[in-house]
């Protein structure tokens, strides 16, 4: 499912205009992104949680040239599936 599919589904299911559904979906994603950028965890009960994780730098390789390159430390979002979602997927 793409973001457009999600917006369309919300619009049809709730009988609201597409632009209003788009604003709502964008507001949710912007709020979640903002919280992760601030280093905060985002939890959606029954679905899962997102949390920023720190990763150390390391020496990697350029796959085209084989040249050794330094990969800088970084933060990436980590998703952990909720218990209800995990059970629903495995039912």
N, C-alpha and C. Protein backbone atom coordinates (compact mmCIF):
# COMPACT_ATOMS: atom_id res chain seq x y z
N UNK A 1 0.85 -1.18 0.00
CA UNK A 1 0.00 0.00 0.00
C UNK A 1 0.89 1.23 0.00
N UNK A 2 0.60 2.16 -0.89
CA UNK A 2 1.34 3.41 -0.95
C UNK A 2 0.62 4.48 -0.14
N UNK A 3 1.27 5.60 0.04
CA UNK A 3 0.66 6.72 0.76
C UNK A 3 -0.62 7.17 0.05
N UNK A 4 -0.60 7.23 -1.27
CA UNK A 4 -1.79 7.61 -2.04
C UNK A 4 -2.92 6.62 -1.83
N UNK A 5 -2.60 5.32 -1.80
CA UNK A 5 -3.61 4.30 -1.54
C UNK A 5 -4.24 4.49 -0.16
N UNK A 6 -3.40 4.78 0.82
CA UNK A 6 -3.87 5.00 2.18
C UNK A 6 -4.82 6.20 2.23
N UNK A 7 -4.43 7.29 1.60
CA UNK A 7 -5.27 8.50 1.58
C UNK A 7 -6.60 8.19 0.91
N UNK A 8 -6.56 7.51 -0.22
CA UNK A 8 -7.78 7.17 -0.96
C UNK A 8 -8.68 6.28 -0.11
N UNK A 9 -8.11 5.30 0.56
CA UNK A 9 -8.88 4.39 1.40
C UNK A 9 -9.56 5.14 2.55
N UNK A 10 -8.83 6.03 3.21
CA UNK A 10 -9.39 6.82 4.30
C UNK A 10 -10.50 7.72 3.79
N UNK A 11 -10.28 8.32 2.63
CA UNK A 11 -11.29 9.19 2.03
C UNK A 11 -12.59 8.45 1.76
N UNK A 12 -12.48 7.27 1.15
CA UNK A 12 -13.67 6.49 0.80
C UNK A 12 -14.36 5.93 2.05
N UNK A 13 -13.56 5.34 2.94
CA UNK A 13 -14.12 4.70 4.13
C UNK A 13 -14.83 5.69 5.05
N UNK A 14 -14.30 6.88 5.17
CA UNK A 14 -14.88 7.88 6.07
C UNK A 14 -15.74 8.91 5.36
N UNK A 15 -15.91 8.73 4.05
CA UNK A 15 -16.74 9.62 3.24
C UNK A 15 -16.35 11.09 3.42
N UNK A 16 -15.05 11.35 3.29
CA UNK A 16 -14.54 12.73 3.35
C UNK A 16 -13.80 13.01 2.05
N UNK A 17 -13.71 14.28 1.69
CA UNK A 17 -12.99 14.61 0.45
C UNK A 17 -11.51 14.20 0.52
N UNK A 18 -10.98 13.84 -0.62
CA UNK A 18 -9.58 13.39 -0.72
C UNK A 18 -8.61 14.41 -0.12
N UNK A 19 -8.76 15.74 -0.41
CA UNK A 19 -7.80 16.70 0.16
C UNK A 19 -7.81 16.72 1.69
N UNK A 20 -8.97 16.49 2.31
CA UNK A 20 -9.02 16.46 3.78
C UNK A 20 -8.32 15.22 4.31
N UNK A 21 -8.53 14.08 3.66
CA UNK A 21 -7.85 12.85 4.07
C UNK A 21 -6.34 13.00 3.90
N UNK A 22 -5.94 13.67 2.81
CA UNK A 22 -4.51 13.90 2.56
C UNK A 22 -3.90 14.76 3.66
N UNK A 23 -4.61 15.80 4.08
CA UNK A 23 -4.11 16.67 5.16
C UNK A 23 -3.95 15.87 6.45
N UNK A 24 -4.92 14.99 6.74
CA UNK A 24 -4.87 14.20 7.97
C UNK A 24 -3.68 13.24 7.95
N UNK A 25 -3.50 12.54 6.85
CA UNK A 25 -2.39 11.58 6.74
C UNK A 25 -1.05 12.32 6.82
N UNK A 26 -0.93 13.44 6.12
CA UNK A 26 0.31 14.22 6.18
C UNK A 26 0.59 14.74 7.59
N UNK A 27 -0.47 15.15 8.31
CA UNK A 27 -0.28 15.63 9.68
C UNK A 27 0.24 14.52 10.58
N UNK A 28 -0.29 13.31 10.42
CA UNK A 28 0.16 12.18 11.23
C UNK A 28 1.63 11.86 10.93
N UNK A 29 1.97 11.77 9.64
CA UNK A 29 3.35 11.46 9.27
C UNK A 29 4.32 12.55 9.69
N UNK A 30 3.92 13.82 9.55
CA UNK A 30 4.79 14.92 9.97
C UNK A 30 5.03 14.89 11.47
N UNK A 31 3.98 14.59 12.23
CA UNK A 31 4.11 14.52 13.69
C UNK A 31 5.02 13.38 14.10
N UNK A 32 4.85 12.23 13.46
CA UNK A 32 5.71 11.08 13.77
C UNK A 32 7.16 11.37 13.40
N UNK A 33 7.38 11.96 12.23
CA UNK A 33 8.75 12.29 11.80
C UNK A 33 9.40 13.28 12.76
N UNK A 34 8.63 14.28 13.18
CA UNK A 34 9.15 15.28 14.11
C UNK A 34 9.57 14.65 15.43
N UNK A 35 8.74 13.75 15.95
CA UNK A 35 9.08 13.09 17.22
C UNK A 35 10.35 12.26 17.08
N UNK A 36 10.48 11.52 15.97
CA UNK A 36 11.69 10.72 15.76
C UNK A 36 12.92 11.59 15.62
N UNK A 37 12.79 12.73 14.93
CA UNK A 37 13.93 13.65 14.79
C UNK A 37 14.37 14.20 16.14
N UNK A 38 13.42 14.35 17.07
CA UNK A 38 13.75 14.84 18.42
C UNK A 38 14.28 13.72 19.31
N UNK A 39 14.35 12.49 18.77
CA UNK A 39 14.87 11.38 19.55
C UNK A 39 13.82 10.68 20.38
N UNK A 40 12.54 10.98 20.14
CA UNK A 40 11.46 10.37 20.91
C UNK A 40 10.91 9.14 20.20
N UNK A 41 10.33 8.26 20.97
CA UNK A 41 9.72 7.02 20.48
C UNK A 41 8.27 7.29 20.10
N UNK A 42 7.78 6.62 19.06
CA UNK A 42 6.39 6.74 18.64
C UNK A 42 5.75 5.37 18.76
N UNK A 43 4.70 5.27 19.57
CA UNK A 43 4.03 3.99 19.77
C UNK A 43 2.58 4.08 19.33
N UNK A 44 2.16 3.14 18.50
CA UNK A 44 0.78 3.03 18.06
C UNK A 44 0.28 1.69 18.58
N UNK A 45 -0.53 1.74 19.63
CA UNK A 45 -0.99 0.51 20.28
C UNK A 45 -1.69 -0.40 19.28
N UNK A 46 -1.37 -1.67 19.35
CA UNK A 46 -1.96 -2.66 18.47
C UNK A 46 -1.28 -2.76 17.12
N UNK A 47 -0.40 -1.81 16.81
CA UNK A 47 0.30 -1.82 15.52
C UNK A 47 1.79 -2.04 15.70
N UNK A 48 2.43 -1.13 16.44
CA UNK A 48 3.87 -1.24 16.68
C UNK A 48 4.45 0.07 17.14
N UNK A 49 5.77 0.10 17.23
CA UNK A 49 6.45 1.32 17.68
C UNK A 49 7.66 1.61 16.80
N UNK A 50 7.97 2.88 16.71
CA UNK A 50 9.15 3.37 15.99
C UNK A 50 10.04 4.06 17.01
N UNK A 51 11.34 3.81 16.91
CA UNK A 51 12.28 4.47 17.80
C UNK A 51 13.57 4.74 17.03
N UNK A 52 14.20 5.90 17.29
CA UNK A 52 15.48 6.16 16.62
C UNK A 52 16.58 5.30 17.25
N UNK A 53 17.46 4.77 16.40
CA UNK A 53 18.59 3.97 16.87
C UNK A 53 19.88 4.55 16.34
N UNK A 54 20.88 4.57 17.21
CA UNK A 54 22.21 5.04 16.82
C UNK A 54 23.02 3.86 16.28
N UNK A 55 23.69 4.09 15.19
CA UNK A 55 24.57 3.08 14.60
C UNK A 55 25.98 3.66 14.50
N UNK A 56 26.96 2.88 14.92
CA UNK A 56 28.35 3.31 14.87
C UNK A 56 28.84 3.36 13.43
N UNK A 57 29.85 4.17 13.22
CA UNK A 57 30.50 4.21 11.92
C UNK A 57 31.32 2.94 11.72
N UNK A 58 31.64 2.64 10.48
CA UNK A 58 32.43 1.45 10.18
C UNK A 58 33.12 1.63 8.83
N UNK A 59 34.05 0.73 8.57
CA UNK A 59 34.73 0.73 7.28
C UNK A 59 33.96 -0.19 6.35
N UNK A 60 33.50 0.35 5.22
CA UNK A 60 32.75 -0.44 4.25
C UNK A 60 33.48 -0.49 2.92
N UNK A 61 32.80 -1.04 1.92
CA UNK A 61 33.39 -1.13 0.59
C UNK A 61 32.41 -0.59 -0.44
N UNK A 62 32.95 0.12 -1.42
CA UNK A 62 32.17 0.54 -2.56
C UNK A 62 31.96 -0.71 -3.43
N UNK A 63 30.69 -1.13 -3.66
CA UNK A 63 30.48 -2.38 -4.40
C UNK A 63 30.94 -2.32 -5.86
N UNK A 64 30.99 -1.14 -6.44
CA UNK A 64 31.43 -1.03 -7.85
C UNK A 64 32.94 -1.13 -8.00
N UNK A 65 33.65 -0.43 -7.10
CA UNK A 65 35.11 -0.34 -7.26
C UNK A 65 35.87 -1.22 -6.27
N UNK A 66 35.20 -1.64 -5.20
CA UNK A 66 35.89 -2.42 -4.17
C UNK A 66 36.71 -1.55 -3.23
N UNK A 67 36.70 -0.23 -3.45
CA UNK A 67 37.45 0.71 -2.62
C UNK A 67 36.90 0.74 -1.20
N UNK A 68 37.79 0.78 -0.22
CA UNK A 68 37.40 0.88 1.18
C UNK A 68 36.96 2.32 1.45
N UNK A 69 35.79 2.46 2.08
CA UNK A 69 35.26 3.80 2.40
C UNK A 69 34.83 3.82 3.86
N UNK A 70 34.89 5.01 4.43
CA UNK A 70 34.47 5.21 5.80
C UNK A 70 32.98 5.54 5.81
N UNK A 71 32.18 4.76 6.53
CA UNK A 71 30.75 5.03 6.67
C UNK A 71 30.56 5.71 8.02
N UNK A 72 30.03 6.92 7.98
CA UNK A 72 29.87 7.74 9.18
C UNK A 72 28.79 7.17 10.11
N UNK A 73 28.89 7.47 11.42
CA UNK A 73 27.83 7.07 12.34
C UNK A 73 26.51 7.71 11.90
N UNK A 74 25.40 7.05 12.21
CA UNK A 74 24.10 7.57 11.77
C UNK A 74 23.00 7.11 12.70
N UNK A 75 21.85 7.75 12.56
CA UNK A 75 20.64 7.36 13.27
C UNK A 75 19.64 6.91 12.22
N UNK A 76 18.95 5.81 12.53
CA UNK A 76 17.92 5.29 11.63
C UNK A 76 16.70 4.91 12.46
N UNK A 77 15.50 5.02 11.89
CA UNK A 77 14.32 4.58 12.63
C UNK A 77 14.25 3.06 12.67
N UNK A 78 13.85 2.53 13.81
CA UNK A 78 13.69 1.09 13.99
C UNK A 78 12.23 0.82 14.30
N UNK A 79 11.63 -0.15 13.61
CA UNK A 79 10.23 -0.51 13.84
C UNK A 79 10.15 -1.83 14.56
N UNK A 80 9.30 -1.87 15.59
CA UNK A 80 9.04 -3.12 16.29
C UNK A 80 7.54 -3.37 16.24
N UNK A 81 7.17 -4.50 15.69
CA UNK A 81 5.77 -4.87 15.52
C UNK A 81 5.12 -5.10 16.89
N UNK A 82 3.86 -4.65 17.03
CA UNK A 82 3.12 -4.87 18.26
C UNK A 82 2.61 -6.31 18.35
N UNK A 83 2.27 -6.72 19.57
CA UNK A 83 1.83 -8.10 19.82
C UNK A 83 0.56 -8.42 19.02
N UNK A 84 -0.42 -7.51 19.02
CA UNK A 84 -1.68 -7.76 18.32
C UNK A 84 -1.44 -7.91 16.81
N UNK A 85 -0.58 -7.08 16.24
CA UNK A 85 -0.29 -7.15 14.81
C UNK A 85 0.44 -8.46 14.48
N UNK A 86 1.39 -8.82 15.31
CA UNK A 86 2.15 -10.05 15.10
C UNK A 86 1.22 -11.26 15.13
N UNK A 87 0.30 -11.28 16.12
CA UNK A 87 -0.65 -12.39 16.22
C UNK A 87 -1.60 -12.43 15.02
N UNK A 88 -2.04 -11.25 14.56
CA UNK A 88 -2.94 -11.19 13.41
C UNK A 88 -2.25 -11.69 12.14
N UNK A 89 -0.98 -11.36 11.98
CA UNK A 89 -0.25 -11.81 10.81
C UNK A 89 0.01 -13.30 10.81
N UNK A 90 0.14 -13.88 12.00
CA UNK A 90 0.45 -15.30 12.11
C UNK A 90 -0.77 -16.18 12.38
N UNK A 91 -1.96 -15.61 12.35
CA UNK A 91 -3.19 -16.38 12.60
C UNK A 91 -3.57 -17.19 11.39
